[in-house]
Structure formats: C-alpha cells, structure tokens
Amino acid sequence: MSEVNLSALTTEALHKSTVLWLRANGHDRATWFATGDDELADHVLLASGGPEADLGALPEEVELILRSKGSGGRLLTLRAEARRIDPGNPLWEPAAHSLLGERLNAPSDLIEQWRTETTLWSLAPYGAPVQAPGMPAPDSTARVDAPITTGEGGTRPRRPWHLGGRSRTRRG
C-alpha cells in the first residue's frame, strides 16, 4: 500500500468542494466555507448567523468532515481549532473577502450585514486525521454487519396505484 500525502489530499479536498460537514457538540452540520489567503492560509473560514445559517457558538475543537466531490464518500476527518474573528480583528476584513468570493448570489451590502449580524470563524486543522484513506473510522465497530430486514412483523411493499387499475396480466 502506498503512502498518502495528507497535506496535498487536504488541500485538494478543500479546493474541489464548497461544502463540508462540521462536527461540533455531537452534531454534524453541512455548511459552505472558504479557504483563507496570506495570514489565514491553511485555515477554513465560516460565516454563522444573520443572513447565513446559524452554527451557534463553536467549541474550541471541532471536526471537519471532507467528502469526495466525485463519489460523495467520506475522504478525510480532521480535528480543527475554532477561533472567532471579531470585526475589530485585523484578520476580519481578509476573512470576509475570502468568504464573499465563495458566497453565491451575494447581495451588495453583505459584508456590512456580516459586520453587524454574523460571526466569522477561522478553523485551523491540526494533528493526525481522525479518518483518512487506508484508516478505518474510529466508530467502524459500531456498524451493522447484517442486512436490515422487515422481520416477521413487516408489511408487504405497497404497489403503486394506476389510473384505470392494472391490466389483468399485471395484477398480483
């Protein structure tokens, strides 16, 4: 088995997708994101509240679940340190402009709305991934191995209704 360059894989996964799953406080939420430039290079940026989906207050540590754009399968799960970026912070403007570049159908006054109503977050991935190619997920033992069946109390599948009924040869 060949080695996987996790840094390159993370960069590629973040650049190929516009949505990631954020695991915080025991809940997984899909959210759009942007990647930072210059001082915020290698950071994932999020907008929460106001005109954007409200993610609530994030804990200090969250997990980022990156999926393959082609198959939709889980590609990487990374730990990240979450930091709130307040409007007085010098990193707020670059973060807002990076997010604005990824925001679809953005109104012209969106940055001003963000300044008053929205919390910007910077997520800095660190450490070894929780899950990566060739690494089983930590909860892989919790999977159900047997197929799920209806059992003895199950009902027959419903047949669709047809206008005029089914032909005599198709009736069951």
Protein backbone atom coordinates (compact mmCIF):
# COMPACT_ATOMS: atom_id res chain seq x y z
CA MET A 1 0.00 0.00 0.00
CA SER A 2 1.40 3.39 -0.95
CA GLU A 3 1.71 6.37 1.37
CA VAL A 4 -0.90 9.12 1.09
CA ASN A 5 0.26 12.74 1.19
CA LEU A 6 -2.34 14.04 3.67
CA SER A 7 -1.37 17.69 3.24
CA ALA A 8 -1.90 17.50 -0.52
CA LEU A 9 -5.10 15.47 -0.07
CA THR A 10 -6.49 18.03 2.40
CA THR A 11 -5.64 20.94 0.09
CA GLU A 12 -7.19 19.15 -2.88
CA ALA A 13 -10.36 18.21 -0.96
CA LEU A 14 -10.82 21.79 0.28
CA HIS A 15 -10.32 23.30 -3.18
CA LYS A 16 -12.57 20.84 -5.03
CA SER A 17 -15.57 21.28 -2.74
CA THR A 18 -17.66 24.18 -1.49
CA VAL A 19 -19.41 22.25 1.31
CA LEU A 20 -18.05 20.39 4.31
CA TRP A 21 -19.58 18.70 7.32
CA LEU A 22 -18.79 20.31 10.65
CA ARG A 23 -18.98 18.08 13.74
CA ALA A 24 -19.43 20.17 16.88
CA ASN A 25 -21.18 19.42 20.17
CA GLY A 26 -22.12 15.94 18.96
CA HIS A 27 -23.94 17.18 15.83
CA ASP A 28 -22.92 17.07 12.16
CA ARG A 29 -23.96 20.05 10.02
CA ALA A 30 -23.34 20.74 6.36
CA THR A 31 -22.04 24.23 5.74
CA TRP A 32 -20.39 26.21 2.97
CA PHE A 33 -16.90 27.52 3.58
CA ALA A 34 -13.93 29.33 2.10
CA THR A 35 -10.21 28.86 2.49
CA GLY A 36 -8.04 31.74 3.62
CA ASP A 37 -5.12 33.52 1.97
CA ASP A 38 -1.90 35.04 3.34
CA GLU A 39 -2.22 35.15 7.16
CA LEU A 40 -5.18 32.76 7.02
CA ALA A 41 -3.54 30.26 4.66
CA ASP A 42 -4.45 26.67 5.58
CA HIS A 43 -7.48 27.91 7.56
CA VAL A 44 -11.10 27.11 6.82
CA LEU A 45 -13.41 30.11 7.16
CA LEU A 46 -17.10 30.00 8.09
CA ALA A 47 -19.87 32.57 8.47
CA SER A 48 -22.57 31.90 11.07
CA GLY A 49 -25.77 33.79 11.90
CA GLY A 50 -27.50 36.78 10.35
CA PRO A 51 -28.19 36.07 6.67
CA GLU A 52 -26.19 32.81 6.91
CA ALA A 53 -27.10 29.52 8.57
CA ASP A 54 -26.59 29.77 12.32
CA LEU A 55 -23.98 27.28 13.52
CA GLY A 56 -24.19 28.56 17.08
CA ALA A 57 -21.19 29.03 19.32
CA LEU A 58 -18.48 26.59 18.30
CA PRO A 59 -16.37 24.79 20.89
CA GLU A 60 -12.61 25.18 20.87
CA GLU A 61 -12.16 21.91 18.99
CA VAL A 62 -14.33 20.74 16.10
CA GLU A 63 -14.02 18.08 13.41
CA LEU A 64 -14.13 18.79 9.68
CA ILE A 65 -15.51 16.01 7.52
CA LEU A 66 -14.39 16.39 3.91
CA ARG A 67 -16.11 14.38 1.21
CA SER A 68 -15.04 13.41 -2.26
CA LYS A 69 -16.71 15.60 -4.86
CA GLY A 70 -16.91 12.69 -7.29
CA SER A 71 -18.37 9.92 -5.18
CA GLY A 72 -19.62 11.88 -2.18
CA GLY A 73 -17.88 9.39 0.11
CA ARG A 74 -16.06 10.47 3.25
CA LEU A 75 -12.49 11.33 2.35
CA LEU A 76 -10.96 12.87 5.47
CA THR A 77 -11.98 13.72 9.01
CA LEU A 78 -9.72 16.33 10.60
CA ARG A 79 -9.55 17.96 14.01
CA ALA A 80 -9.52 21.75 13.92
CA GLU A 81 -9.15 24.57 16.41
CA ALA A 82 -12.04 27.04 16.11
CA ARG A 83 -11.41 30.75 16.69
CA ARG A 84 -13.96 33.51 16.47
CA ILE A 85 -12.90 36.51 14.36
CA ASP A 86 -14.46 39.71 15.70
CA PRO A 87 -14.98 42.78 13.43
CA GLY A 88 -12.24 44.69 15.31
CA ASN A 89 -9.66 41.99 14.49
CA PRO A 90 -7.30 42.87 11.59
CA LEU A 91 -8.00 39.40 10.13
CA TRP A 92 -11.73 40.13 9.85
CA GLU A 93 -11.54 42.00 6.51
CA PRO A 94 -9.40 39.38 4.70
CA ALA A 95 -11.63 36.62 6.09
CA ALA A 96 -14.80 38.42 4.98
CA HIS A 97 -13.44 38.98 1.46
CA SER A 98 -12.38 35.33 1.14
CA LEU A 99 -15.88 34.25 2.24
CA LEU A 100 -17.53 36.76 -0.09
CA GLY A 101 -15.67 35.21 -3.03
CA GLU A 102 -17.30 31.83 -2.29
CA ARG A 103 -20.79 33.15 -1.49
CA LEU A 104 -23.32 32.52 -4.24
CA ASN A 105 -25.78 35.30 -5.13
CA ALA A 106 -24.35 37.68 -2.56
CA PRO A 107 -26.20 40.99 -2.11
CA SER A 108 -24.09 44.13 -2.49
CA ASP A 109 -24.24 45.02 1.24
CA LEU A 110 -23.40 41.53 2.53
CA ILE A 111 -20.11 42.49 4.21
CA GLU A 112 -21.90 45.22 6.20
CA GLN A 113 -24.59 42.72 7.22
CA TRP A 114 -21.86 40.29 8.31
CA ARG A 115 -20.16 43.04 10.34
CA THR A 116 -23.30 43.61 12.45
CA GLU A 117 -25.16 40.28 12.40
CA THR A 118 -22.75 37.43 11.63
CA THR A 119 -19.92 35.67 13.42
CA LEU A 120 -16.90 34.73 11.30
CA TRP A 121 -14.93 31.65 12.36
CA SER A 122 -11.44 30.51 11.49
CA LEU A 123 -10.82 26.76 11.74
CA ALA A 124 -7.18 25.64 11.79
CA PRO A 125 -6.76 21.89 11.16
CA TYR A 126 -4.05 20.22 13.25
CA GLY A 127 -2.60 16.85 14.16
CA ALA A 128 -3.18 13.48 12.58
CA PRO A 129 -6.52 12.95 10.84
CA VAL A 130 -9.27 11.09 12.67
CA GLN A 131 -10.02 9.25 9.42
CA ALA A 132 -8.13 9.16 6.13
CA PRO A 133 -7.75 6.81 3.16
CA GLY A 134 -6.49 3.48 4.49
CA MET A 135 -7.52 4.36 8.06
CA PRO A 136 -10.75 2.94 9.43
CA ALA A 137 -13.15 5.30 11.12
CA PRO A 138 -12.94 5.24 14.94
CA ASP A 139 -16.54 4.05 15.15
CA SER A 140 -16.26 1.34 12.47
CA THR A 141 -17.02 -1.40 15.02
CA ALA A 142 -20.43 0.16 15.62
CA ARG A 143 -21.56 -0.69 12.08
CA VAL A 144 -24.35 -3.15 11.50
CA ASP A 145 -22.98 -6.11 9.55
CA ALA A 146 -26.26 -7.88 8.85
CA PRO A 147 -28.69 -6.52 6.28
CA ILE A 148 -31.73 -4.75 7.65
CA THR A 149 -34.97 -6.68 7.05
CA THR A 150 -38.60 -6.06 7.86
CA GLY A 151 -38.73 -9.16 10.08
CA GLU A 152 -41.87 -11.12 10.97
CA GLY A 153 -43.99 -8.03 11.62
CA GLY A 154 -43.03 -6.39 8.33
CA THR A 155 -45.57 -5.37 5.75
CA ARG A 156 -45.63 -6.13 2.07
CA PRO A 157 -44.32 -3.34 -0.14
CA ARG A 158 -47.06 -1.06 -1.41
CA ARG A 159 -47.83 -1.30 -5.08
CA PRO A 160 -48.39 1.99 -6.86
CA TRP A 161 -51.91 2.97 -7.88
CA HIS A 162 -52.56 3.12 -11.63
CA LEU A 163 -55.34 5.07 -13.31
CA GLY A 164 -57.87 2.53 -14.53
CA GLY A 165 -56.21 -0.19 -12.47
CA ARG A 166 -53.61 -2.68 -13.59
CA SER A 167 -54.19 -4.91 -16.55
CA ARG A 168 -55.33 -8.43 -15.69
CA THR A 169 -51.95 -9.87 -16.58
CA ARG A 170 -50.14 -7.40 -14.28
CA ARG A 171 -52.37 -7.86 -11.22
CA GLY A 172 -50.73 -9.68 -8.37
